[in-house]
C-alpha cells in the first residue's frame, strides 16, 4: 500500500510580494515630489487659479492622511488636475 501525505494546512501568512513596504513607500514619495515640481513649474500666474490650491491640498494634507494604497489614487487625482492646469495654459 502506498503512503499518503495529509493535506497541507493553509497558513495565515500573506503571499510574498515582489517589493517591500519601504520600496513602495519611497516610490510613492518620489512620485509626489515629481508632481510638486510640475506644479511649481506652472509659475506664479497659476497660483491664483482654484485648481492650484486643490492640487496642493491633495499633495500635502490628503496625501499624508491616506494609507499607502490610497496614496496612489491621490497622486493620480493630483496628476490629472495638473494636466488640466497645463492644458489651460495658465502657467504660460
PDB file of N, CA and C in Angstrom:
ATOM      1  N   UNK A   1       0.810  -1.165   0.000  1.00  0.00           N
ATOM      2  CA  UNK A   1       0.000   0.000   0.000  1.00  0.00           C
ATOM      3  C   UNK A   1       0.866   1.246   0.000  1.00  0.00           C
ATOM      4  N   UNK A   2       0.435   2.258  -0.737  1.00  0.00           N
ATOM      5  CA  UNK A   2       1.219   3.483  -0.786  1.00  0.00           C
ATOM      6  C   UNK A   2       0.800   4.416   0.345  1.00  0.00           C
ATOM      7  N   UNK A   3       1.808   5.066   0.889  1.00  0.00           N
ATOM      8  CA  UNK A   3       1.527   6.006   1.973  1.00  0.00           C
ATOM      9  C   UNK A   3       1.060   7.331   1.384  1.00  0.00           C
ATOM     10  N   UNK A   4       0.066   7.894   1.968  1.00  0.00           N
ATOM     11  CA  UNK A   4      -0.458   9.180   1.505  1.00  0.00           C
ATOM     12  C   UNK A   4      -0.109  10.270   2.518  1.00  0.00           C
ATOM     13  N   UNK A   5       0.231  11.404   1.974  1.00  0.00           N
ATOM     14  CA  UNK A   5       0.501  12.539   2.845  1.00  0.00           C
ATOM     15  C   UNK A   5      -0.802  13.203   3.244  1.00  0.00           C
ATOM     16  N   UNK A   6      -0.824  13.742   4.449  1.00  0.00           N
ATOM     17  CA  UNK A   6      -2.017  14.519   4.813  1.00  0.00           C
ATOM     18  C   UNK A   6      -2.023  15.828   4.028  1.00  0.00           C
ATOM     19  N   UNK A   7      -3.178  16.385   3.769  1.00  0.00           N
ATOM     20  CA  UNK A   7      -3.229  17.641   3.014  1.00  0.00           C
ATOM     21  C   UNK A   7      -2.504  18.753   3.775  1.00  0.00           C
ATOM     22  N   UNK A   8      -1.891  19.634   3.011  1.00  0.00           N
ATOM     23  CA  UNK A   8      -1.163  20.746   3.625  1.00  0.00           C
ATOM     24  C   UNK A   8      -2.148  21.699   4.289  1.00  0.00           C
ATOM     25  N   UNK A   9      -1.749  22.195   5.442  1.00  0.00           N
ATOM     26  CA  UNK A   9      -2.598  23.141   6.165  1.00  0.00           C
ATOM     27  C   UNK A   9      -2.358  24.543   5.616  1.00  0.00           C
ATOM     28  N   UNK A  10      -3.422  25.306   5.441  1.00  0.00           N
ATOM     29  CA  UNK A  10      -3.235  26.679   4.960  1.00  0.00           C
ATOM     30  C   UNK A  10      -2.558  27.525   6.044  1.00  0.00           C
ATOM     31  N   UNK A  11      -1.729  28.447   5.605  1.00  0.00           N
ATOM     32  CA  UNK A  11      -1.062  29.333   6.546  1.00  0.00           C
ATOM     33  C   UNK A  11      -1.725  30.704   6.516  1.00  0.00           C
ATOM     34  N   UNK A  12      -1.544  31.437   7.551  1.00  0.00           N
ATOM     35  CA  UNK A  12      -2.127  32.773   7.633  1.00  0.00           C
ATOM     36  C   UNK A  12      -1.171  33.848   7.137  1.00  0.00           C
ATOM     37  N   UNK A  13      -0.032  33.463   6.614  1.00  0.00           N
ATOM     38  CA  UNK A  13       0.931  34.419   6.106  1.00  0.00           C
ATOM     39  C   UNK A  13       0.499  34.941   4.743  1.00  0.00           C
ATOM     40  N   UNK A  14       0.685  36.246   4.515  1.00  0.00           N
ATOM     41  CA  UNK A  14       0.356  36.780   3.180  1.00  0.00           C
ATOM     42  C   UNK A  14       1.350  36.279   2.144  1.00  0.00           C
ATOM     43  N   UNK A  15       0.922  36.287   0.914  1.00  0.00           N
ATOM     44  CA  UNK A  15       1.797  35.858  -0.177  1.00  0.00           C
ATOM     45  C   UNK A  15       2.984  36.813  -0.283  1.00  0.00           C
ATOM     46  N   UNK A  16       4.114  36.289  -0.698  1.00  0.00           N
ATOM     47  CA  UNK A  16       5.312  37.107  -0.837  1.00  0.00           C
ATOM     48  C   UNK A  16       5.097  38.145  -1.928  1.00  0.00           C
ATOM     49  N   UNK A  17       5.532  39.366  -1.653  1.00  0.00           N
ATOM     50  CA  UNK A  17       5.378  40.442  -2.620  1.00  0.00           C
ATOM     51  C   UNK A  17       6.710  40.679  -3.310  1.00  0.00           C
ATOM     52  N   UNK A  18       6.617  41.244  -4.488  1.00  0.00           N
ATOM     53  CA  UNK A  18       7.838  41.459  -5.252  1.00  0.00           C
ATOM     54  C   UNK A  18       8.684  42.584  -4.666  1.00  0.00           C
ATOM     55  N   UNK A  19       8.053  43.524  -3.983  1.00  0.00           N
ATOM     56  CA  UNK A  19       8.823  44.597  -3.366  1.00  0.00           C
ATOM     57  C   UNK A  19       8.308  44.835  -1.955  1.00  0.00           C
ATOM     58  N   UNK A  20       9.179  45.289  -1.114  1.00  0.00           N
ATOM     59  CA  UNK A  20       8.821  45.519   0.271  1.00  0.00           C
ATOM     60  C   UNK A  20       8.077  46.824   0.471  1.00  0.00           C
ATOM     61  N   UNK A  21       7.559  46.990   1.662  1.00  0.00           N
ATOM     62  CA  UNK A  21       6.795  48.183   2.000  1.00  0.00           C
ATOM     63  C   UNK A  21       7.639  49.436   1.799  1.00  0.00           C
ATOM     64  N   UNK A  22       8.855  49.408   2.282  1.00  0.00           N
ATOM     65  CA  UNK A  22       9.706  50.594   2.215  1.00  0.00           C
ATOM     66  C   UNK A  22       9.975  51.013   0.775  1.00  0.00           C
ATOM     67  N   UNK A  23      10.148  50.053  -0.120  1.00  0.00           N
ATOM     68  CA  UNK A  23      10.373  50.374  -1.536  1.00  0.00           C
ATOM     69  C   UNK A  23       9.137  51.026  -2.148  1.00  0.00           C
ATOM     70  N   UNK A  24       7.968  50.497  -1.831  1.00  0.00           N
ATOM     71  CA  UNK A  24       6.726  51.081  -2.345  1.00  0.00           C
ATOM     72  C   UNK A  24       6.511  52.479  -1.770  1.00  0.00           C
ATOM     73  N   UNK A  25       6.796  52.627  -0.489  1.00  0.00           N
ATOM     74  CA  UNK A  25       6.655  53.924   0.173  1.00  0.00           C
ATOM     75  C   UNK A  25       7.566  54.967  -0.471  1.00  0.00           C
ATOM     76  N   UNK A  26       8.808  54.596  -0.695  1.00  0.00           N
ATOM     77  CA  UNK A  26       9.768  55.513  -1.313  1.00  0.00           C
ATOM     78  C   UNK A  26       9.365  55.876  -2.737  1.00  0.00           C
ATOM     79  N   UNK A  27       8.857  54.900  -3.481  1.00  0.00           N
ATOM     80  CA  UNK A  27       8.426  55.162  -4.859  1.00  0.00           C
ATOM     81  C   UNK A  27       7.264  56.153  -4.889  1.00  0.00           C
ATOM     82  N   UNK A  28       6.344  56.033  -3.958  1.00  0.00           N
ATOM     83  CA  UNK A  28       5.206  56.954  -3.892  1.00  0.00           C
ATOM     84  C   UNK A  28       5.686  58.353  -3.511  1.00  0.00           C
ATOM     85  N   UNK A  29       6.638  58.441  -2.606  1.00  0.00           N
ATOM     86  CA  UNK A  29       7.187  59.742  -2.212  1.00  0.00           C
ATOM     87  C   UNK A  29       7.916  60.417  -3.381  1.00  0.00           C
ATOM     88  N   UNK A  30       8.634  59.639  -4.162  1.00  0.00           N
ATOM     89  CA  UNK A  30       9.321  60.192  -5.334  1.00  0.00           C
ATOM     90  C   UNK A  30       8.303  60.732  -6.332  1.00  0.00           C
ATOM     91  N   UNK A  31       7.231  59.992  -6.550  1.00  0.00           N
ATOM     92  CA  UNK A  31       6.179  60.432  -7.471  1.00  0.00           C
ATOM     93  C   UNK A  31       5.532  61.725  -6.979  1.00  0.00           C
ATOM     94  N   UNK A  32       5.317  61.846  -5.678  1.00  0.00           N
ATOM     95  CA  UNK A  32       4.750  63.057  -5.094  1.00  0.00           C
ATOM     96  C   UNK A  32       5.671  64.250  -5.353  1.00  0.00           C
ATOM     97  N   UNK A  33       6.952  64.065  -5.149  1.00  0.00           N
ATOM     98  CA  UNK A  33       7.915  65.146  -5.390  1.00  0.00           C
ATOM     99  C   UNK A  33       7.914  65.581  -6.860  1.00  0.00           C
ATOM    100  N   UNK A  34       7.788  64.617  -7.761  1.00  0.00           N
ATOM    101  CA  UNK A  34       7.733  64.938  -9.191  1.00  0.00           C
ATOM    102  C   UNK A  34       6.510  65.798  -9.507  1.00  0.00           C
ATOM    103  N   UNK A  35       5.381  65.458  -8.899  1.00  0.00           N
ATOM    104  CA  UNK A  35       4.160  66.223  -9.140  1.00  0.00           C
ATOM    105  C   UNK A  35       4.263  67.626  -8.546  1.00  0.00           C
ATOM    106  N   UNK A  36       4.898  67.758  -7.407  1.00  0.00           N
ATOM    107  CA  UNK A  36       5.089  69.077  -6.812  1.00  0.00           C
ATOM    108  C   UNK A  36       5.957  69.938  -7.724  1.00  0.00           C
ATOM    109  N   UNK A  37       6.978  69.358  -8.310  1.00  0.00           N
ATOM    110  CA  UNK A  37       7.834  70.100  -9.239  1.00  0.00           C
ATOM    111  C   UNK A  37       7.062  70.533 -10.480  1.00  0.00           C
ATOM    112  N   UNK A  38       6.206  69.651 -11.001  1.00  0.00           N
ATOM    113  CA  UNK A  38       5.373  70.020 -12.152  1.00  0.00           C
ATOM    114  C   UNK A  38       4.462  71.188 -11.811  1.00  0.00           C
ATOM    115  N   UNK A  39       3.915  71.159 -10.600  1.00  0.00           N
ATOM    116  CA  UNK A  39       3.018  72.228 -10.173  1.00  0.00           C
ATOM    117  C   UNK A  39       3.773  73.548 -10.029  1.00  0.00           C
ATOM    118  N   UNK A  40       4.944  73.512  -9.449  1.00  0.00           N
ATOM    119  CA  UNK A  40       5.754  74.725  -9.292  1.00  0.00           C
ATOM    120  C   UNK A  40       6.169  75.295 -10.645  1.00  0.00           C
ATOM    121  N   UNK A  41       6.360  74.431 -11.621  1.00  0.00           N
ATOM    122  CA  UNK A  41       6.779  74.878 -12.953  1.00  0.00           C
ATOM    123  C   UNK A  41       5.694  75.697 -13.655  1.00  0.00           C
ATOM    124  N   UNK A  42       4.464  75.623 -13.168  1.00  0.00           N
ATOM    125  CA  UNK A  42       3.384  76.403 -13.781  1.00  0.00           C
ATOM    126  C   UNK A  42       3.552  77.898 -13.545  1.00  0.00           C
ATOM    127  N   UNK A  43       4.252  78.266 -12.505  1.00  0.00           N
ATOM    128  CA  UNK A  43       4.559  79.670 -12.277  1.00  0.00           C
ATOM    129  C   UNK A  43       3.585  80.375 -11.359  1.00  0.00           C
ATOM    130  N   UNK A  44       3.858  81.669 -11.168  1.00  0.00           N
ATOM    131  CA  UNK A  44       3.093  82.488 -10.221  1.00  0.00           C
ATOM    132  C   UNK A  44       1.659  82.753 -10.701  1.00  0.00           C
ATOM    133  N   UNK A  45       1.474  82.873 -11.995  1.00  0.00           N
ATOM    134  CA  UNK A  45       0.134  83.159 -12.528  1.00  0.00           C
ATOM    135  C   UNK A  45      -0.850  82.034 -12.195  1.00  0.00           C
ATOM    136  N   UNK A  46      -0.370  80.805 -12.187  1.00  0.00           N
ATOM    137  CA  UNK A  46      -1.234  79.662 -11.908  1.00  0.00           C
ATOM    138  C   UNK A  46      -1.678  79.607 -10.452  1.00  0.00           C
ATOM    139  N   UNK A  47      -0.950  80.247  -9.560  1.00  0.00           N
ATOM    140  CA  UNK A  47      -1.277  80.184  -8.139  1.00  0.00           C
ATOM    141  C   UNK A  47      -2.609  80.842  -7.809  1.00  0.00           C
ATOM    142  N   UNK A  48      -3.089  81.716  -8.668  1.00  0.00           N
ATOM    143  CA  UNK A  48      -4.381  82.357  -8.426  1.00  0.00           C
ATOM    144  C   UNK A  48      -5.564  81.470  -8.830  1.00  0.00           C
ATOM    145  N   UNK A  49      -5.306  80.408  -9.565  1.00  0.00           N
ATOM    146  CA  UNK A  49      -6.375  79.500 -10.006  1.00  0.00           C
ATOM    147  C   UNK A  49      -6.779  78.595  -8.844  1.00  0.00           C
ATOM    148  N   UNK A  50      -8.087  78.364  -8.645  1.00  0.00           N
ATOM    149  CA  UNK A  50      -8.538  77.495  -7.545  1.00  0.00           C
ATOM    150  C   UNK A  50      -8.006  76.067  -7.639  1.00  0.00           C
ATOM    151  N   UNK A  51      -7.760  75.593  -8.847  1.00  0.00           N
ATOM    152  CA  UNK A  51      -7.234  74.241  -9.024  1.00  0.00           C
ATOM    153  C   UNK A  51      -5.841  74.081  -8.453  1.00  0.00           C
ATOM    154  N   UNK A  52      -5.071  75.142  -8.474  1.00  0.00           N
ATOM    155  CA  UNK A  52      -3.711  75.108  -7.922  1.00  0.00           C
ATOM    156  C   UNK A  52      -3.757  74.792  -6.429  1.00  0.00           C
ATOM    157  N   UNK A  53      -4.632  75.476  -5.728  1.00  0.00           N
ATOM    158  CA  UNK A  53      -4.782  75.223  -4.298  1.00  0.00           C
ATOM    159  C   UNK A  53      -5.277  73.821  -4.008  1.00  0.00           C
ATOM    160  N   UNK A  54      -6.151  73.330  -4.866  1.00  0.00           N
ATOM    161  CA  UNK A  54      -6.674  71.978  -4.666  1.00  0.00           C
ATOM    162  C   UNK A  54      -5.575  70.937  -4.847  1.00  0.00           C
ATOM    163  N   UNK A  55      -4.712  71.146  -5.821  1.00  0.00           N
ATOM    164  CA  UNK A  55      -3.603  70.216  -6.035  1.00  0.00           C
ATOM    165  C   UNK A  55      -2.672  70.222  -4.821  1.00  0.00           C
ATOM    166  N   UNK A  56      -2.403  71.399  -4.280  1.00  0.00           N
ATOM    167  CA  UNK A  56      -1.564  71.470  -3.087  1.00  0.00           C
ATOM    168  C   UNK A  56      -2.192  70.719  -1.917  1.00  0.00           C
ATOM    169  N   UNK A  57      -3.500  70.854  -1.772  1.00  0.00           N
ATOM    170  CA  UNK A  57      -4.197  70.124  -0.710  1.00  0.00           C
ATOM    171  C   UNK A  57      -4.091  68.616  -0.933  1.00  0.00           C
ATOM    172  N   UNK A  58      -4.268  68.186  -2.168  1.00  0.00           N
ATOM    173  CA  UNK A  58      -4.149  66.758  -2.476  1.00  0.00           C
ATOM    174  C   UNK A  58      -2.750  66.232  -2.168  1.00  0.00           C
ATOM    175  N   UNK A  59      -1.743  66.982  -2.584  1.00  0.00           N
ATOM    176  CA  UNK A  59      -0.367  66.510  -2.447  1.00  0.00           C
ATOM    177  C   UNK A  59       0.175  66.636  -1.020  1.00  0.00           C
ATOM    178  N   UNK A  60      -0.468  67.409  -0.191  1.00  0.00           N
ATOM    179  CA  UNK A  60       0.021  67.577   1.171  1.00  0.00           C
ATOM    180  C   UNK A  60      -0.932  66.954   2.190  1.00  0.00           C
ATOM    181  N   UNK A  61      -2.037  67.608   2.478  1.00  0.00           N
ATOM    182  CA  UNK A  61      -2.940  67.141   3.538  1.00  0.00           C
ATOM    183  C   UNK A  61      -3.571  65.786   3.229  1.00  0.00           C
ATOM    184  N   UNK A  62      -4.211  65.694   2.075  1.00  0.00           N
ATOM    185  CA  UNK A  62      -4.902  64.457   1.723  1.00  0.00           C
ATOM    186  C   UNK A  62      -3.917  63.304   1.596  1.00  0.00           C
ATOM    187  N   UNK A  63      -2.783  63.552   0.976  1.00  0.00           N
ATOM    188  CA  UNK A  63      -1.759  62.531   0.794  1.00  0.00           C
ATOM    189  C   UNK A  63      -1.276  62.005   2.138  1.00  0.00           C
ATOM    190  N   UNK A  64      -0.970  62.895   3.060  1.00  0.00           N
ATOM    191  CA  UNK A  64      -0.419  62.491   4.362  1.00  0.00           C
ATOM    192  C   UNK A  64      -1.426  61.744   5.220  1.00  0.00           C
ATOM    193  N   UNK A  65      -2.700  62.047   5.067  1.00  0.00           N
ATOM    194  CA  UNK A  65      -3.736  61.389   5.874  1.00  0.00           C
ATOM    195  C   UNK A  65      -4.136  60.023   5.322  1.00  0.00           C
ATOM    196  N   UNK A  66      -3.741  59.733   4.100  1.00  0.00           N
ATOM    197  CA  UNK A  66      -4.146  58.494   3.435  1.00  0.00           C
ATOM    198  C   UNK A  66      -3.182  57.357   3.728  1.00  0.00           C
ATOM    199  N   UNK A  67      -3.710  56.151   3.641  1.00  0.00           N
ATOM    200  CA  UNK A  67      -2.861  54.963   3.746  1.00  0.00           C
ATOM    201  C   UNK A  67      -2.095  54.799   2.438  1.00  0.00           C
ATOM    202  N   UNK A  68      -1.083  53.953   2.460  1.00  0.00           N
ATOM    203  CA  UNK A  68      -0.208  53.792   1.300  1.00  0.00           C
ATOM    204  C   UNK A  68      -0.982  53.421   0.036  1.00  0.00           C
ATOM    205  N   UNK A  69      -1.896  52.486   0.128  1.00  0.00           N
ATOM    206  CA  UNK A  69      -2.642  52.067  -1.060  1.00  0.00           C
ATOM    207  C   UNK A  69      -3.512  53.200  -1.599  1.00  0.00           C
ATOM    208  N   UNK A  70      -4.042  54.033  -0.726  1.00  0.00           N
ATOM    209  CA  UNK A  70      -4.893  55.145  -1.156  1.00  0.00           C
ATOM    210  C   UNK A  70      -4.070  56.296  -1.717  1.00  0.00           C
ATOM    211  N   UNK A  71      -2.820  56.390  -1.305  1.00  0.00           N
ATOM    212  CA  UNK A  71      -1.968  57.481  -1.772  1.00  0.00           C
ATOM    213  C   UNK A  71      -1.774  57.441  -3.285  1.00  0.00           C
ATOM    214  N   UNK A  72      -1.780  56.252  -3.859  1.00  0.00           N
ATOM    215  CA  UNK A  72      -1.649  56.143  -5.315  1.00  0.00           C
ATOM    216  C   UNK A  72      -2.814  56.829  -6.016  1.00  0.00           C
ATOM    217  N   UNK A  73      -4.018  56.642  -5.498  1.00  0.00           N
ATOM    218  CA  UNK A  73      -5.187  57.286  -6.088  1.00  0.00           C
ATOM    219  C   UNK A  73      -5.130  58.797  -5.904  1.00  0.00           C
ATOM    220  N   UNK A  74      -4.628  59.255  -4.762  1.00  0.00           N
ATOM    221  CA  UNK A  74      -4.483  60.689  -4.521  1.00  0.00           C
ATOM    222  C   UNK A  74      -3.498  61.284  -5.522  1.00  0.00           C
ATOM    223  N   UNK A  75      -2.399  60.594  -5.766  1.00  0.00           N
ATOM    224  CA  UNK A  75      -1.409  61.080  -6.726  1.00  0.00           C
ATOM    225  C   UNK A  75      -1.972  61.124  -8.142  1.00  0.00           C
ATOM    226  N   UNK A  76      -2.766  60.134  -8.503  1.00  0.00           N
ATOM    227  CA  UNK A  76      -3.385  60.128  -9.834  1.00  0.00           C
ATOM    228  C   UNK A  76      -4.347  61.304  -9.989  1.00  0.00           C
ATOM    229  N   UNK A  77      -5.093  61.603  -8.928  1.00  0.00           N
ATOM    230  CA  UNK A  77      -6.006  62.748  -8.972  1.00  0.00           C
ATOM    231  C   UNK A  77      -5.238  64.046  -9.126  1.00  0.00           C
ATOM    232  N   UNK A  78      -4.154  64.183  -8.388  1.00  0.00           N
ATOM    233  CA  UNK A  78      -3.334  65.391  -8.476  1.00  0.00           C
ATOM    234  C   UNK A  78      -2.715  65.522  -9.867  1.00  0.00           C
ATOM    235  N   UNK A  79      -2.236  64.416 -10.421  1.00  0.00           N
ATOM    236  CA  UNK A  79      -1.641  64.442 -11.762  1.00  0.00           C
ATOM    237  C   UNK A  79      -2.672  64.860 -12.800  1.00  0.00           C
ATOM    238  N   UNK A  80      -3.890  64.366 -12.666  1.00  0.00           N
ATOM    239  CA  UNK A  80      -4.958  64.725 -13.592  1.00  0.00           C
ATOM    240  C   UNK A  80      -5.247  66.223 -13.528  1.00  0.00           C
ATOM    241  N   UNK A  81      -5.313  66.745 -12.318  1.00  0.00           N
ATOM    242  CA  UNK A  81      -5.610  68.159 -12.164  1.00  0.00           C
ATOM    243  C   UNK A  81      -4.463  69.037 -12.668  1.00  0.00           C
ATOM    244  N   UNK A  82      -3.233  68.607 -12.485  1.00  0.00           N
ATOM    245  CA  UNK A  82      -2.090  69.340 -13.030  1.00  0.00           C
ATOM    246  C   UNK A  82      -2.144  69.322 -14.556  1.00  0.00           C
ATOM    247  N   UNK A  83      -2.532  68.183 -15.136  1.00  0.00           N
ATOM    248  CA  UNK A  83      -2.699  68.107 -16.592  1.00  0.00           C
ATOM    249  C   UNK A  83      -3.708  69.146 -17.078  1.00  0.00           C
ATOM    250  N   UNK A  84      -4.812  69.279 -16.353  1.00  0.00           N
ATOM    251  CA  UNK A  84      -5.843  70.252 -16.731  1.00  0.00           C
ATOM    252  C   UNK A  84      -5.280  71.675 -16.668  1.00  0.00           C
ATOM    253  N   UNK A  85      -4.562  71.978 -15.594  1.00  0.00           N
ATOM    254  CA  UNK A  85      -3.976  73.316 -15.461  1.00  0.00           C
ATOM    255  C   UNK A  85      -2.979  73.598 -16.580  1.00  0.00           C
ATOM    256  N   UNK A  86      -2.198  72.580 -16.956  1.00  0.00           N
ATOM    257  CA  UNK A  86      -1.244  72.761 -18.047  1.00  0.00           C
ATOM    258  C   UNK A  86      -1.955  72.975 -19.375  1.00  0.00           C
ATOM    259  N   UNK A  87      -3.042  72.262 -19.605  1.00  0.00           N
ATOM    260  CA  UNK A  87      -3.789  72.428 -20.862  1.00  0.00           C
ATOM    261  C   UNK A  87      -4.480  73.773 -20.957  1.00  0.00           C
ATOM    262  N   UNK A  88      -4.867  74.316 -19.797  1.00  0.00           N
ATOM    263  CA  UNK A  88      -5.482  75.635 -19.792  1.00  0.00           C
ATOM    264  C   UNK A  88      -4.476  76.727 -20.142  1.00  0.00           C
ATOM    265  N   UNK A  89      -3.204  76.391 -20.058  1.00  0.00           N
ATOM    266  CA  UNK A  89      -2.168  77.351 -20.381  1.00  0.00           C
ATOM    267  C   UNK A  89      -1.973  78.404 -19.321  1.00  0.00           C
ATOM    268  N   UNK A  90      -2.366  78.096 -18.112  1.00  0.00           N
ATOM    269  CA  UNK A  90      -2.284  79.062 -17.020  1.00  0.00           C
ATOM    270  C   UNK A  90      -0.849  79.428 -16.697  1.00  0.00           C
ATOM    271  N   UNK A  91       0.034  78.462 -16.749  1.00  0.00           N
ATOM    272  CA  UNK A  91       1.419  78.718 -16.372  1.00  0.00           C
ATOM    273  C   UNK A  91       2.260  79.372 -17.461  1.00  0.00           C
ATOM    274  N   UNK A  92       1.696  79.587 -18.632  1.00  0.00           N
ATOM    275  CA  UNK A  92       2.474  80.138 -19.743  1.00  0.00           C
ATOM    276  C   UNK A  92       2.539  81.644 -19.722  1.00  0.00           C
TER     277      UNK A  92
END
